[in-house]
C-alpha cells in the first residue's frame, strides 16, 4: 500500500515486519520453536526478577521529562512518534561510562539511557539511539530482552547460585544469539527515524570508538567495515567467529555493512516513500519457516545440549531454579 507520509513524517501503522532483518525473522521463529523456552522466559519475569531489576535501575536513575533534560525527552518522544508508537513510555538516565541504551519491561516498556550516551553523542546521533530503542518496543523484543538482561545481570554479580548454572547458561546463549539478530532490525528502524543512513553509520562509529564523531572519519570507518567483510577465508574468519559469538550486540563494523546493504537494496527508499507493510497485514508466522529457521533452531538446541540440559527437561529445571532464586533475591542470601 502506498500513501503520502504526513508532514511530521510519521510512518503510520508501520509493521516491524516492514524493516525486519532476515536473520531476526529466522532467529525469532526458531527461538519460539524451542519447547518450554517461552515458559522459561515468562517464569523468570513472573518470579519478580524484572521488578527487582527495574527497582535497581530506578533507584539510581533520573526520570526525564518536560522539566528534566527536556531536549532529550523531546527527542525520545519524536522517535516513538516517527514509528507511530504510543509516546507514553518513560525515559530514564542512569550514570554509566559505556555508550548504550536499553528498552526493558514486559508490561509497559521503558527506555534507559546511559549518561555516557548523552554526553558523547550529538543530537542526531542520540535520536538514532532512541529510534533504535523505540524499534525494540515496536518489534516486541522487550520480553526476551528483559529476560536476557536479567540473566546477564545475575551472571555478572559474582553470587549467582550454583543451582542456576547449566540450564540458564543455555537459555542465555540462545537469547544472545537471537538478540544479535534483533539488533540488525532495529538499526534499520533507527535509520527510518533519523532519515539518513550515514547518521546511523556515524553513530555506530562513535559507539565503537568512544570518541566524538567530530574527531573521527566516517569514510575511513566504512572502508574498515568493507575490509572486515572482505577478509580472506582462513584463520581470520575462524578467529572472528569467537569474536562475534561473545557479545550481546553484533560488532559495529558488521552493523554498518548491514545497514548500507539494506539501503542499497532499495527497501529504505520504498519505506520512506510510504510503501511498506502495515500492522495487521503481516503474513502468518508459518511463512517464517525455512532453512534459516532450522539453522538457528539447530544452534539453539545445541546450546541446551552443550550446557548439559536436554530441551525436553530444561523448562522444569529452570522453573525449579527460578523458584529458588526468587527466595535468594528476596533474602539476599543463597539458599
C-alpha atoms as a PDB file:
ATOM      1  CA  UNK A   1       0.000   0.000   0.000  1.00  0.00           C
ATOM      2  CA  UNK A   2       1.430   3.387  -1.000  1.00  0.00           C
ATOM      3  CA  UNK A   3       0.443   6.626   0.708  1.00  0.00           C
ATOM      4  CA  UNK A   4       1.924  10.060   1.146  1.00  0.00           C
ATOM      5  CA  UNK A   5       3.557  10.499   4.530  1.00  0.00           C
ATOM      6  CA  UNK A   6       2.098  13.243   6.733  1.00  0.00           C
ATOM      7  CA  UNK A   7       4.021  16.407   7.486  1.00  0.00           C
ATOM      8  CA  UNK A   8       5.572  15.012  10.669  1.00  0.00           C
ATOM      9  CA  UNK A   9       6.874  12.023   8.669  1.00  0.00           C
ATOM     10  CA  UNK A  10       5.093   9.576  10.970  1.00  0.00           C
ATOM     11  CA  UNK A  11       5.190   6.073   9.482  1.00  0.00           C
ATOM     12  CA  UNK A  12       1.524   5.372  10.098  1.00  0.00           C
ATOM     13  CA  UNK A  13       0.838   1.844  11.425  1.00  0.00           C
ATOM     14  CA  UNK A  14       4.187   0.581  10.184  1.00  0.00           C
ATOM     15  CA  UNK A  15       4.708  -3.083  10.955  1.00  0.00           C
ATOM     16  CA  UNK A  16       8.091  -4.205  12.309  1.00  0.00           C
ATOM     17  CA  UNK A  17       7.998  -6.781   9.521  1.00  0.00           C
ATOM     18  CA  UNK A  18       8.498  -3.874   7.118  1.00  0.00           C
ATOM     19  CA  UNK A  19      12.102  -3.400   8.210  1.00  0.00           C
ATOM     20  CA  UNK A  20      12.841  -6.761   9.851  1.00  0.00           C
ATOM     21  CA  UNK A  21      16.246  -8.245   9.067  1.00  0.00           C
ATOM     22  CA  UNK A  22      16.015 -11.835   7.715  1.00  0.00           C
ATOM     23  CA  UNK A  23      18.305 -13.065  10.500  1.00  0.00           C
ATOM     24  CA  UNK A  24      15.976 -11.557  13.103  1.00  0.00           C
ATOM     25  CA  UNK A  25      12.917 -13.129  11.475  1.00  0.00           C
ATOM     26  CA  UNK A  26      14.562 -16.556  11.348  1.00  0.00           C
ATOM     27  CA  UNK A  27      16.097 -16.400  14.819  1.00  0.00           C
ATOM     28  CA  UNK A  28      12.834 -15.261  16.422  1.00  0.00           C
ATOM     29  CA  UNK A  29      10.867 -18.044  14.748  1.00  0.00           C
ATOM     30  CA  UNK A  30      13.481 -20.583  15.791  1.00  0.00           C
ATOM     31  CA  UNK A  31      13.567 -19.298  19.353  1.00  0.00           C
ATOM     32  CA  UNK A  32       9.808 -19.631  19.666  1.00  0.00           C
ATOM     33  CA  UNK A  33      10.003 -23.200  18.384  1.00  0.00           C
ATOM     34  CA  UNK A  34      12.165 -24.369  21.293  1.00  0.00           C
ATOM     35  CA  UNK A  35       9.953 -26.352  23.704  1.00  0.00           C
ATOM     36  CA  UNK A  36       9.343 -24.632  27.027  1.00  0.00           C
ATOM     37  CA  UNK A  37      11.530 -21.619  26.254  1.00  0.00           C
ATOM     38  CA  UNK A  38       8.684 -19.090  26.347  1.00  0.00           C
ATOM     39  CA  UNK A  39       7.571 -20.615  29.639  1.00  0.00           C
ATOM     40  CA  UNK A  40      11.110 -20.327  30.997  1.00  0.00           C
ATOM     41  CA  UNK A  41      11.375 -16.665  29.983  1.00  0.00           C
ATOM     42  CA  UNK A  42       7.998 -15.790  31.467  1.00  0.00           C
ATOM     43  CA  UNK A  43       8.824 -17.700  34.644  1.00  0.00           C
ATOM     44  CA  UNK A  44      11.951 -15.584  35.109  1.00  0.00           C
ATOM     45  CA  UNK A  45       9.817 -12.467  34.932  1.00  0.00           C
ATOM     46  CA  UNK A  46       6.940 -13.951  36.928  1.00  0.00           C
ATOM     47  CA  UNK A  47       9.184 -14.596  39.910  1.00  0.00           C
ATOM     48  CA  UNK A  48       9.947 -10.937  40.249  1.00  0.00           C
ATOM     49  CA  UNK A  49      13.311 -10.612  38.604  1.00  0.00           C
ATOM     50  CA  UNK A  50      12.042  -7.920  36.261  1.00  0.00           C
ATOM     51  CA  UNK A  51      10.670  -5.991  39.216  1.00  0.00           C
ATOM     52  CA  UNK A  52      13.966  -6.388  41.050  1.00  0.00           C
ATOM     53  CA  UNK A  53      15.913  -5.238  38.001  1.00  0.00           C
ATOM     54  CA  UNK A  54      13.553  -2.320  37.401  1.00  0.00           C
ATOM     55  CA  UNK A  55      13.804  -1.175  41.024  1.00  0.00           C
ATOM     56  CA  UNK A  56      17.579  -1.471  40.961  1.00  0.00           C
ATOM     57  CA  UNK A  57      17.725   0.716  37.858  1.00  0.00           C
ATOM     58  CA  UNK A  58      15.162   3.246  39.039  1.00  0.00           C
ATOM     59  CA  UNK A  59      16.852   3.679  42.399  1.00  0.00           C
ATOM     60  CA  UNK A  60      19.973   5.074  40.738  1.00  0.00           C
ATOM     61  CA  UNK A  61      18.435   6.794  37.706  1.00  0.00           C
ATOM     62  CA  UNK A  62      16.766  10.085  36.797  1.00  0.00           C
ATOM     63  CA  UNK A  63      13.395  10.109  35.041  1.00  0.00           C
ATOM     64  CA  UNK A  64      13.458  12.566  32.171  1.00  0.00           C
ATOM     65  CA  UNK A  65      10.542  14.733  31.138  1.00  0.00           C
ATOM     66  CA  UNK A  66       9.490  18.264  30.204  1.00  0.00           C
ATOM     67  CA  UNK A  67      11.234  19.566  33.339  1.00  0.00           C
ATOM     68  CA  UNK A  68      14.238  17.208  33.285  1.00  0.00           C
ATOM     69  CA  UNK A  69      16.551  17.378  30.241  1.00  0.00           C
ATOM     70  CA  UNK A  70      13.585  18.313  28.021  1.00  0.00           C
ATOM     71  CA  UNK A  71      15.663  18.182  24.823  1.00  0.00           C
ATOM     72  CA  UNK A  72      16.477  14.508  25.319  1.00  0.00           C
ATOM     73  CA  UNK A  73      12.901  13.746  26.375  1.00  0.00           C
ATOM     74  CA  UNK A  74      11.519  15.513  23.291  1.00  0.00           C
ATOM     75  CA  UNK A  75      13.842  13.516  21.055  1.00  0.00           C
ATOM     76  CA  UNK A  76      12.671  10.302  22.708  1.00  0.00           C
ATOM     77  CA  UNK A  77       9.014  11.137  22.060  1.00  0.00           C
ATOM     78  CA  UNK A  78       9.810  12.134  18.474  1.00  0.00           C
ATOM     79  CA  UNK A  79      11.470   8.754  17.847  1.00  0.00           C
ATOM     80  CA  UNK A  80       8.386   6.958  19.172  1.00  0.00           C
ATOM     81  CA  UNK A  81       6.108   9.150  17.058  1.00  0.00           C
ATOM     82  CA  UNK A  82       8.110   8.516  13.875  1.00  0.00           C
ATOM     83  CA  UNK A  83       7.356   4.780  14.263  1.00  0.00           C
ATOM     84  CA  UNK A  84       3.724   5.613  15.130  1.00  0.00           C
ATOM     85  CA  UNK A  85       4.046   4.332  18.702  1.00  0.00           C
ATOM     86  CA  UNK A  86       2.367   5.442  21.882  1.00  0.00           C
ATOM     87  CA  UNK A  87       4.623   8.194  23.199  1.00  0.00           C
ATOM     88  CA  UNK A  88       3.862   7.352  26.828  1.00  0.00           C
ATOM     89  CA  UNK A  89       6.990   5.305  27.535  1.00  0.00           C
ATOM     90  CA  UNK A  90       9.149   6.517  30.405  1.00  0.00           C
ATOM     91  CA  UNK A  91      12.736   7.554  29.722  1.00  0.00           C
ATOM     92  CA  UNK A  92      15.410   7.251  32.404  1.00  0.00           C
ATOM     93  CA  UNK A  93      19.002   8.432  32.560  1.00  0.00           C
ATOM     94  CA  UNK A  94      21.492   6.379  34.560  1.00  0.00           C
ATOM     95  CA  UNK A  95      25.138   7.013  35.342  1.00  0.00           C
ATOM     96  CA  UNK A  96      27.270   4.530  33.457  1.00  0.00           C
ATOM     97  CA  UNK A  97      30.521   5.087  31.498  1.00  0.00           C
ATOM     98  CA  UNK A  98      29.564   2.946  28.473  1.00  0.00           C
ATOM     99  CA  UNK A  99      27.682   4.361  25.474  1.00  0.00           C
ATOM    100  CA  UNK A 100      24.493   2.317  25.471  1.00  0.00           C
ATOM    101  CA  UNK A 101      20.729   2.321  25.979  1.00  0.00           C
ATOM    102  CA  UNK A 102      18.039  -0.294  26.545  1.00  0.00           C
ATOM    103  CA  UNK A 103      14.300  -0.809  26.322  1.00  0.00           C
ATOM    104  CA  UNK A 104      13.147  -3.072  29.144  1.00  0.00           C
ATOM    105  CA  UNK A 105       9.906  -4.292  30.684  1.00  0.00           C
ATOM    106  CA  UNK A 106       7.474  -6.972  29.608  1.00  0.00           C
ATOM    107  CA  UNK A 107       4.418  -4.883  30.515  1.00  0.00           C
ATOM    108  CA  UNK A 108       4.878  -1.186  29.798  1.00  0.00           C
ATOM    109  CA  UNK A 109       8.423  -0.915  28.431  1.00  0.00           C
ATOM    110  CA  UNK A 110      10.652   1.950  29.434  1.00  0.00           C
ATOM    111  CA  UNK A 111      13.863   3.217  27.874  1.00  0.00           C
ATOM    112  CA  UNK A 112      17.051   3.549  29.865  1.00  0.00           C
ATOM    113  CA  UNK A 113      19.907   5.696  28.522  1.00  0.00           C
ATOM    114  CA  UNK A 114      23.414   5.681  29.956  1.00  0.00           C
ATOM    115  CA  UNK A 115      24.904   9.046  30.893  1.00  0.00           C
ATOM    116  CA  UNK A 116      27.862   8.477  28.574  1.00  0.00           C
ATOM    117  CA  UNK A 117      25.443   8.229  25.636  1.00  0.00           C
ATOM    118  CA  UNK A 118      24.027  11.687  26.294  1.00  0.00           C
ATOM    119  CA  UNK A 119      27.486  13.162  26.871  1.00  0.00           C
ATOM    120  CA  UNK A 120      29.143  11.753  23.771  1.00  0.00           C
ATOM    121  CA  UNK A 121      26.513  11.803  21.008  1.00  0.00           C
ATOM    122  CA  UNK A 122      25.253  14.838  19.149  1.00  0.00           C
ATOM    123  CA  UNK A 123      21.518  15.449  18.740  1.00  0.00           C
ATOM    124  CA  UNK A 124      21.073  13.382  15.574  1.00  0.00           C
ATOM    125  CA  UNK A 125      23.177  10.512  16.910  1.00  0.00           C
ATOM    126  CA  UNK A 126      21.180  10.470  20.126  1.00  0.00           C
ATOM    127  CA  UNK A 127      17.945  10.461  18.107  1.00  0.00           C
ATOM    128  CA  UNK A 128      19.333   7.417  16.277  1.00  0.00           C
ATOM    129  CA  UNK A 129      19.900   5.556  19.542  1.00  0.00           C
ATOM    130  CA  UNK A 130      16.426   6.483  20.789  1.00  0.00           C
ATOM    131  CA  UNK A 131      14.920   5.356  17.477  1.00  0.00           C
ATOM    132  CA  UNK A 132      16.728   2.045  17.834  1.00  0.00           C
ATOM    133  CA  UNK A 133      15.180   1.551  21.294  1.00  0.00           C
ATOM    134  CA  UNK A 134      11.739   2.562  20.041  1.00  0.00           C
ATOM    135  CA  UNK A 135      12.063  -0.178  17.430  1.00  0.00           C
ATOM    136  CA  UNK A 136      12.716  -2.760  20.143  1.00  0.00           C
ATOM    137  CA  UNK A 137       9.367  -1.749  21.650  1.00  0.00           C
ATOM    138  CA  UNK A 138       7.531  -1.880  18.315  1.00  0.00           C
ATOM    139  CA  UNK A 139       9.103  -5.234  17.437  1.00  0.00           C
ATOM    140  CA  UNK A 140       8.103  -6.626  20.849  1.00  0.00           C
ATOM    141  CA  UNK A 141      11.680  -7.625  21.585  1.00  0.00           C
ATOM    142  CA  UNK A 142      11.347  -6.492  25.178  1.00  0.00           C
ATOM    143  CA  UNK A 143      10.117  -9.782  26.671  1.00  0.00           C
ATOM    144  CA  UNK A 144      13.127 -11.807  25.578  1.00  0.00           C
ATOM    145  CA  UNK A 145      15.436  -8.830  26.003  1.00  0.00           C
ATOM    146  CA  UNK A 146      14.353  -8.275  29.605  1.00  0.00           C
ATOM    147  CA  UNK A 147      14.977 -11.939  30.363  1.00  0.00           C
ATOM    148  CA  UNK A 148      18.414 -11.642  28.761  1.00  0.00           C
ATOM    149  CA  UNK A 149      19.255  -8.572  30.851  1.00  0.00           C
ATOM    150  CA  UNK A 150      18.219 -10.470  33.983  1.00  0.00           C
ATOM    151  CA  UNK A 151      20.486 -13.377  33.084  1.00  0.00           C
ATOM    152  CA  UNK A 152      23.425 -11.131  32.171  1.00  0.00           C
ATOM    153  CA  UNK A 153      22.963  -9.181  35.388  1.00  0.00           C
ATOM    154  CA  UNK A 154      22.856 -12.346  37.501  1.00  0.00           C
ATOM    155  CA  UNK A 155      25.898 -13.870  35.849  1.00  0.00           C
ATOM    156  CA  UNK A 156      27.855 -10.681  36.342  1.00  0.00           C
ATOM    157  CA  UNK A 157      27.309 -10.101  40.041  1.00  0.00           C
ATOM    158  CA  UNK A 158      29.532 -12.983  41.107  1.00  0.00           C
ATOM    159  CA  UNK A 159      26.987 -14.517  43.504  1.00  0.00           C
ATOM    160  CA  UNK A 160      24.817 -16.423  41.053  1.00  0.00           C
ATOM    161  CA  UNK A 161      23.585 -19.511  42.892  1.00  0.00           C
ATOM    162  CA  UNK A 162      25.163 -22.711  41.677  1.00  0.00           C
ATOM    163  CA  UNK A 163      21.803 -24.371  41.028  1.00  0.00           C
ATOM    164  CA  UNK A 164      21.118 -21.742  38.349  1.00  0.00           C
ATOM    165  CA  UNK A 165      24.196 -22.816  36.387  1.00  0.00           C
ATOM    166  CA  UNK A 166      23.740 -25.077  33.430  1.00  0.00           C
ATOM    167  CA  UNK A 167      20.073 -24.707  32.391  1.00  0.00           C
ATOM    168  CA  UNK A 168      20.147 -20.897  32.316  1.00  0.00           C
ATOM    169  CA  UNK A 169      23.511 -20.827  30.584  1.00  0.00           C
ATOM    170  CA  UNK A 170      21.784 -22.498  27.641  1.00  0.00           C
ATOM    171  CA  UNK A 171      18.871 -20.042  27.783  1.00  0.00           C
ATOM    172  CA  UNK A 172      21.297 -17.125  27.912  1.00  0.00           C
ATOM    173  CA  UNK A 173      23.288 -18.368  24.909  1.00  0.00           C
ATOM    174  CA  UNK A 174      20.135 -18.831  22.848  1.00  0.00           C
ATOM    175  CA  UNK A 175      18.868 -15.357  23.787  1.00  0.00           C
ATOM    176  CA  UNK A 176      22.233 -13.781  22.946  1.00  0.00           C
ATOM    177  CA  UNK A 177      22.189 -15.393  19.506  1.00  0.00           C
ATOM    178  CA  UNK A 178      18.658 -14.105  18.906  1.00  0.00           C
ATOM    179  CA  UNK A 179      19.423 -10.641  20.255  1.00  0.00           C
ATOM    180  CA  UNK A 180      22.356 -10.065  17.942  1.00  0.00           C
ATOM    181  CA  UNK A 181      19.990 -10.704  15.019  1.00  0.00           C
ATOM    182  CA  UNK A 182      17.287  -8.449  16.508  1.00  0.00           C
ATOM    183  CA  UNK A 183      19.778  -5.579  16.729  1.00  0.00           C
ATOM    184  CA  UNK A 184      20.135  -5.559  12.952  1.00  0.00           C
ATOM    185  CA  UNK A 185      16.406  -4.920  12.539  1.00  0.00           C
ATOM    186  CA  UNK A 186      16.497  -2.023  14.985  1.00  0.00           C
ATOM    187  CA  UNK A 187      19.443  -0.418  13.180  1.00  0.00           C
ATOM    188  CA  UNK A 188      17.205  -0.274  10.122  1.00  0.00           C
ATOM    189  CA  UNK A 189      14.380   1.286  12.115  1.00  0.00           C
ATOM    190  CA  UNK A 190      16.780   3.835  13.605  1.00  0.00           C
ATOM    191  CA  UNK A 191      17.637   4.857  10.054  1.00  0.00           C
ATOM    192  CA  UNK A 192      13.947   5.347   9.321  1.00  0.00           C
ATOM    193  CA  UNK A 193      13.786   7.618  12.366  1.00  0.00           C
ATOM    194  CA  UNK A 194      16.810   9.787  11.536  1.00  0.00           C
ATOM    195  CA  UNK A 195      16.213   9.613   7.736  1.00  0.00           C
ATOM    196  CA  UNK A 196      19.953   9.442   6.987  1.00  0.00           C
ATOM    197  CA  UNK A 197      21.850   6.129   6.738  1.00  0.00           C
ATOM    198  CA  UNK A 198      25.159   7.913   7.211  1.00  0.00           C
ATOM    199  CA  UNK A 199      23.995   9.199  10.597  1.00  0.00           C
ATOM    200  CA  UNK A 200      23.310   5.604  11.631  1.00  0.00           C
ATOM    201  CA  UNK A 201      26.797   4.605  10.476  1.00  0.00           C
ATOM    202  CA  UNK A 202      28.272   7.608  12.255  1.00  0.00           C
ATOM    203  CA  UNK A 203      26.504   6.681  15.472  1.00  0.00           C
ATOM    204  CA  UNK A 204      27.846   3.127  15.281  1.00  0.00           C
ATOM    205  CA  UNK A 205      31.343   4.517  14.688  1.00  0.00           C
ATOM    206  CA  UNK A 206      31.118   6.685  17.806  1.00  0.00           C
ATOM    207  CA  UNK A 207      29.839   3.756  19.867  1.00  0.00           C
ATOM    208  CA  UNK A 208      32.726   1.618  18.599  1.00  0.00           C
ATOM    209  CA  UNK A 209      35.448   4.197  19.181  1.00  0.00           C
ATOM    210  CA  UNK A 210      34.177   6.068  22.206  1.00  0.00           C
ATOM    211  CA  UNK A 211      35.209   9.423  20.719  1.00  0.00           C
ATOM    212  CA  UNK A 212      33.028  12.233  19.395  1.00  0.00           C
ATOM    213  CA  UNK A 213      32.190  11.991  15.697  1.00  0.00           C
ATOM    214  CA  UNK A 214      33.887  15.313  15.004  1.00  0.00           C
ATOM    215  CA  UNK A 215      37.217  13.669  15.757  1.00  0.00           C
ATOM    216  CA  UNK A 216      36.594  10.592  13.604  1.00  0.00           C
ATOM    217  CA  UNK A 217      36.459   9.904   9.852  1.00  0.00           C
ATOM    218  CA  UNK A 218      33.275   8.160   8.745  1.00  0.00           C
ATOM    219  CA  UNK A 219      34.571   7.327   5.251  1.00  0.00           C
ATOM    220  CA  UNK A 220      37.543   5.542   6.785  1.00  0.00           C
ATOM    221  CA  UNK A 221      35.258   3.611   9.133  1.00  0.00           C
ATOM    222  CA  UNK A 222      33.026   2.475   6.265  1.00  0.00           C
ATOM    223  CA  UNK A 223      36.141   1.291   4.413  1.00  0.00           C
ATOM    224  CA  UNK A 224      37.141  -0.553   7.569  1.00  0.00           C
ATOM    225  CA  UNK A 225      33.767  -2.296   7.557  1.00  0.00           C
ATOM    226  CA  UNK A 226      34.386  -3.411   3.962  1.00  0.00           C
ATOM    227  CA  UNK A 227      37.844  -4.670   4.844  1.00  0.00           C
ATOM    228  CA  UNK A 228      36.370  -6.739   7.654  1.00  0.00           C
ATOM    229  CA  UNK A 229      33.705  -8.309   5.473  1.00  0.00           C
ATOM    230  CA  UNK A 230      36.092  -8.990   2.592  1.00  0.00           C
ATOM    231  CA  UNK A 231      38.804 -10.684   4.665  1.00  0.00           C
ATOM    232  CA  UNK A 232      40.192 -13.895   3.173  1.00  0.00           C
ATOM    233  CA  UNK A 233      38.957 -17.274   4.332  1.00  0.00           C
ATOM    234  CA  UNK A 234      41.243 -18.927   6.817  1.00  0.00           C
ATOM    235  CA  UNK A 235      42.413 -18.126  10.300  1.00  0.00           C
ATOM    236  CA  UNK A 236      40.896 -14.615  10.272  1.00  0.00           C
ATOM    237  CA  UNK A 237      37.422 -15.977   9.588  1.00  0.00           C
ATOM    238  CA  UNK A 238      37.823 -18.663  12.258  1.00  0.00           C
ATOM    239  CA  UNK A 239      39.089 -16.162  14.812  1.00  0.00           C
ATOM    240  CA  UNK A 240      36.217 -13.758  14.183  1.00  0.00           C
ATOM    241  CA  UNK A 241      33.630 -16.484  14.827  1.00  0.00           C
ATOM    242  CA  UNK A 242      34.532 -16.483  18.509  1.00  0.00           C
ATOM    243  CA  UNK A 243      34.617 -12.686  18.495  1.00  0.00           C
ATOM    244  CA  UNK A 244      31.083 -12.446  17.094  1.00  0.00           C
ATOM    245  CA  UNK A 245      29.525 -15.037  19.411  1.00  0.00           C
ATOM    246  CA  UNK A 246      30.640 -13.464  22.691  1.00  0.00           C
ATOM    247  CA  UNK A 247      28.945 -10.026  22.937  1.00  0.00           C
ATOM    248  CA  UNK A 248      25.284  -9.129  23.269  1.00  0.00           C
ATOM    249  CA  UNK A 249      25.455  -6.857  20.193  1.00  0.00           C
ATOM    250  CA  UNK A 250      26.754  -7.546  16.689  1.00  0.00           C
ATOM    251  CA  UNK A 251      30.155  -5.995  16.076  1.00  0.00           C
ATOM    252  CA  UNK A 252      29.830  -2.366  14.877  1.00  0.00           C
ATOM    253  CA  UNK A 253      31.566  -2.774  11.519  1.00  0.00           C
ATOM    254  CA  UNK A 254      29.194  -5.606  10.636  1.00  0.00           C
ATOM    255  CA  UNK A 255      26.227  -3.467  11.611  1.00  0.00           C
ATOM    256  CA  UNK A 256      27.437  -0.673   9.323  1.00  0.00           C
ATOM    257  CA  UNK A 257      27.675  -3.024   6.380  1.00  0.00           C
ATOM    258  CA  UNK A 258      24.240  -4.492   7.064  1.00  0.00           C
ATOM    259  CA  UNK A 259      22.636  -1.028   7.148  1.00  0.00           C
ATOM    260  CA  UNK A 260      24.281   0.073   3.912  1.00  0.00           C
ATOM    261  CA  UNK A 261      23.398  -3.169   2.124  1.00  0.00           C
ATOM    262  CA  UNK A 262      19.764  -2.656   3.155  1.00  0.00           C
ATOM    263  CA  UNK A 263      19.778   0.912   1.841  1.00  0.00           C
ATOM    264  CA  UNK A 264      21.350  -0.185  -1.442  1.00  0.00           C
ATOM    265  CA  UNK A 265      18.612  -2.814  -1.819  1.00  0.00           C
ATOM    266  CA  UNK A 266      16.054  -0.010  -2.210  1.00  0.00           C
ATOM    267  CA  UNK A 267      13.955  -1.059   0.790  1.00  0.00           C
ATOM    268  CA  UNK A 268      14.798   2.083   2.756  1.00  0.00           C
ATOM    269  CA  UNK A 269      13.650   4.395  -0.057  1.00  0.00           C
ATOM    270  CA  UNK A 270      10.438   2.421  -0.537  1.00  0.00           C
ATOM    271  CA  UNK A 271       9.505   2.721   3.135  1.00  0.00           C
ATOM    272  CA  UNK A 272      10.345   6.431   3.303  1.00  0.00           C
ATOM    273  CA  UNK A 273       8.243   6.859   0.175  1.00  0.00           C
ATOM    274  CA  UNK A 274       5.234   5.400   2.015  1.00  0.00           C
ATOM    275  CA  UNK A 275       5.317   1.863   0.578  1.00  0.00           C
ATOM    276  CA  UNK A 276       5.518  -0.528   3.493  1.00  0.00           C
ATOM    277  CA  UNK A 277       3.700  -3.289   5.348  1.00  0.00           C
ATOM    278  CA  UNK A 278       1.073  -2.115   7.857  1.00  0.00           C
ATOM    279  CA  UNK A 279       0.248  -3.626  11.230  1.00  0.00           C
ATOM    280  CA  UNK A 280      -2.466  -6.207  10.828  1.00  0.00           C
ATOM    281  CA  UNK A 281      -1.375  -7.085   7.276  1.00  0.00           C
ATOM    282  CA  UNK A 282       1.563  -9.285   8.312  1.00  0.00           C
ATOM    283  CA  UNK A 283       1.910 -12.760   6.783  1.00  0.00           C
ATOM    284  CA  UNK A 284       1.150 -15.738   9.048  1.00  0.00           C
ATOM    285  CA  UNK A 285       4.004 -16.881  11.315  1.00  0.00           C
ATOM    286  CA  UNK A 286       4.389 -20.149   9.421  1.00  0.00           C
ATOM    287  CA  UNK A 287       5.764 -18.146   6.494  1.00  0.00           C
ATOM    288  CA  UNK A 288       8.900 -17.574   8.570  1.00  0.00           C
ATOM    289  CA  UNK A 289       9.751 -21.271   8.313  1.00  0.00           C
ATOM    290  CA  UNK A 290      12.660 -22.334   6.151  1.00  0.00           C
ATOM    291  CA  UNK A 291      16.306 -23.314   6.082  1.00  0.00           C
ATOM    292  CA  UNK A 292      17.393 -20.235   8.025  1.00  0.00           C
ATOM    293  CA  UNK A 293      14.922 -21.003  10.819  1.00  0.00           C
ATOM    294  CA  UNK A 294      16.188 -24.557  11.051  1.00  0.00           C
ATOM    295  CA  UNK A 295      19.769 -23.251  11.146  1.00  0.00           C
ATOM    296  CA  UNK A 296      19.024 -21.160  14.227  1.00  0.00           C
ATOM    297  CA  UNK A 297      16.877 -23.868  15.793  1.00  0.00           C
ATOM    298  CA  UNK A 298      19.743 -26.329  15.490  1.00  0.00           C
ATOM    299  CA  UNK A 299      22.103 -23.845  17.100  1.00  0.00           C
ATOM    300  CA  UNK A 300      19.692 -23.252  19.994  1.00  0.00           C
ATOM    301  CA  UNK A 301      19.202 -26.981  20.551  1.00  0.00           C
ATOM    302  CA  UNK A 302      22.968 -27.389  20.615  1.00  0.00           C
ATOM    303  CA  UNK A 303      23.249 -24.694  23.280  1.00  0.00           C
ATOM    304  CA  UNK A 304      20.975 -26.702  25.542  1.00  0.00           C
ATOM    305  CA  UNK A 305      22.807 -29.935  24.790  1.00  0.00           C
ATOM    306  CA  UNK A 306      26.227 -28.397  25.413  1.00  0.00           C
ATOM    307  CA  UNK A 307      25.006 -26.901  28.663  1.00  0.00           C
ATOM    308  CA  UNK A 308      24.016 -30.358  29.879  1.00  0.00           C
ATOM    309  CA  UNK A 309      20.276 -29.724  29.852  1.00  0.00           C
ATOM    310  CA  UNK A 310      18.102 -31.506  27.287  1.00  0.00           C
ATOM    311  CA  UNK A 311      15.484 -29.275  25.726  1.00  0.00           C
ATOM    312  CA  UNK A 312      12.695 -31.543  26.949  1.00  0.00           C
ATOM    313  CA  UNK A 313      13.653 -31.048  30.603  1.00  0.00           C
ATOM    314  CA  UNK A 314      15.222 -27.599  30.531  1.00  0.00           C
ATOM    315  CA  UNK A 315      11.931 -25.912  31.360  1.00  0.00           C
ATOM    316  CA  UNK A 316      11.407 -27.935  34.541  1.00  0.00           C
ATOM    317  CA  UNK A 317      14.998 -27.401  35.650  1.00  0.00           C
ATOM    318  CA  UNK A 318      14.823 -23.667  35.091  1.00  0.00           C
ATOM    319  CA  UNK A 319      11.432 -23.389  36.782  1.00  0.00           C
ATOM    320  CA  UNK A 320      12.857 -25.073  39.878  1.00  0.00           C
ATOM    321  CA  UNK A 321      15.966 -22.893  39.758  1.00  0.00           C
ATOM    322  CA  UNK A 322      13.846 -19.783  39.298  1.00  0.00           C
ATOM    323  CA  UNK A 323      11.801 -20.615  42.375  1.00  0.00           C
ATOM    324  CA  UNK A 324      14.941 -20.994  44.458  1.00  0.00           C
ATOM    325  CA  UNK A 325      16.495 -17.853  43.020  1.00  0.00           C
ATOM    326  CA  UNK A 326      13.361 -15.874  43.852  1.00  0.00           C
ATOM    327  CA  UNK A 327      13.861 -16.728  47.520  1.00  0.00           C
ATOM    328  CA  UNK A 328      17.536 -15.836  47.209  1.00  0.00           C
ATOM    329  CA  UNK A 329      16.757 -12.426  45.713  1.00  0.00           C
ATOM    330  CA  UNK A 330      14.286 -11.620  48.488  1.00  0.00           C
ATOM    331  CA  UNK A 331      16.646 -12.592  51.288  1.00  0.00           C
ATOM    332  CA  UNK A 332      19.908 -11.526  49.692  1.00  0.00           C
ATOM    333  CA  UNK A 333      21.359 -14.939  50.581  1.00  0.00           C
ATOM    334  CA  UNK A 334      21.999 -18.108  48.664  1.00  0.00           C
ATOM    335  CA  UNK A 335      19.619 -20.928  49.551  1.00  0.00           C
END
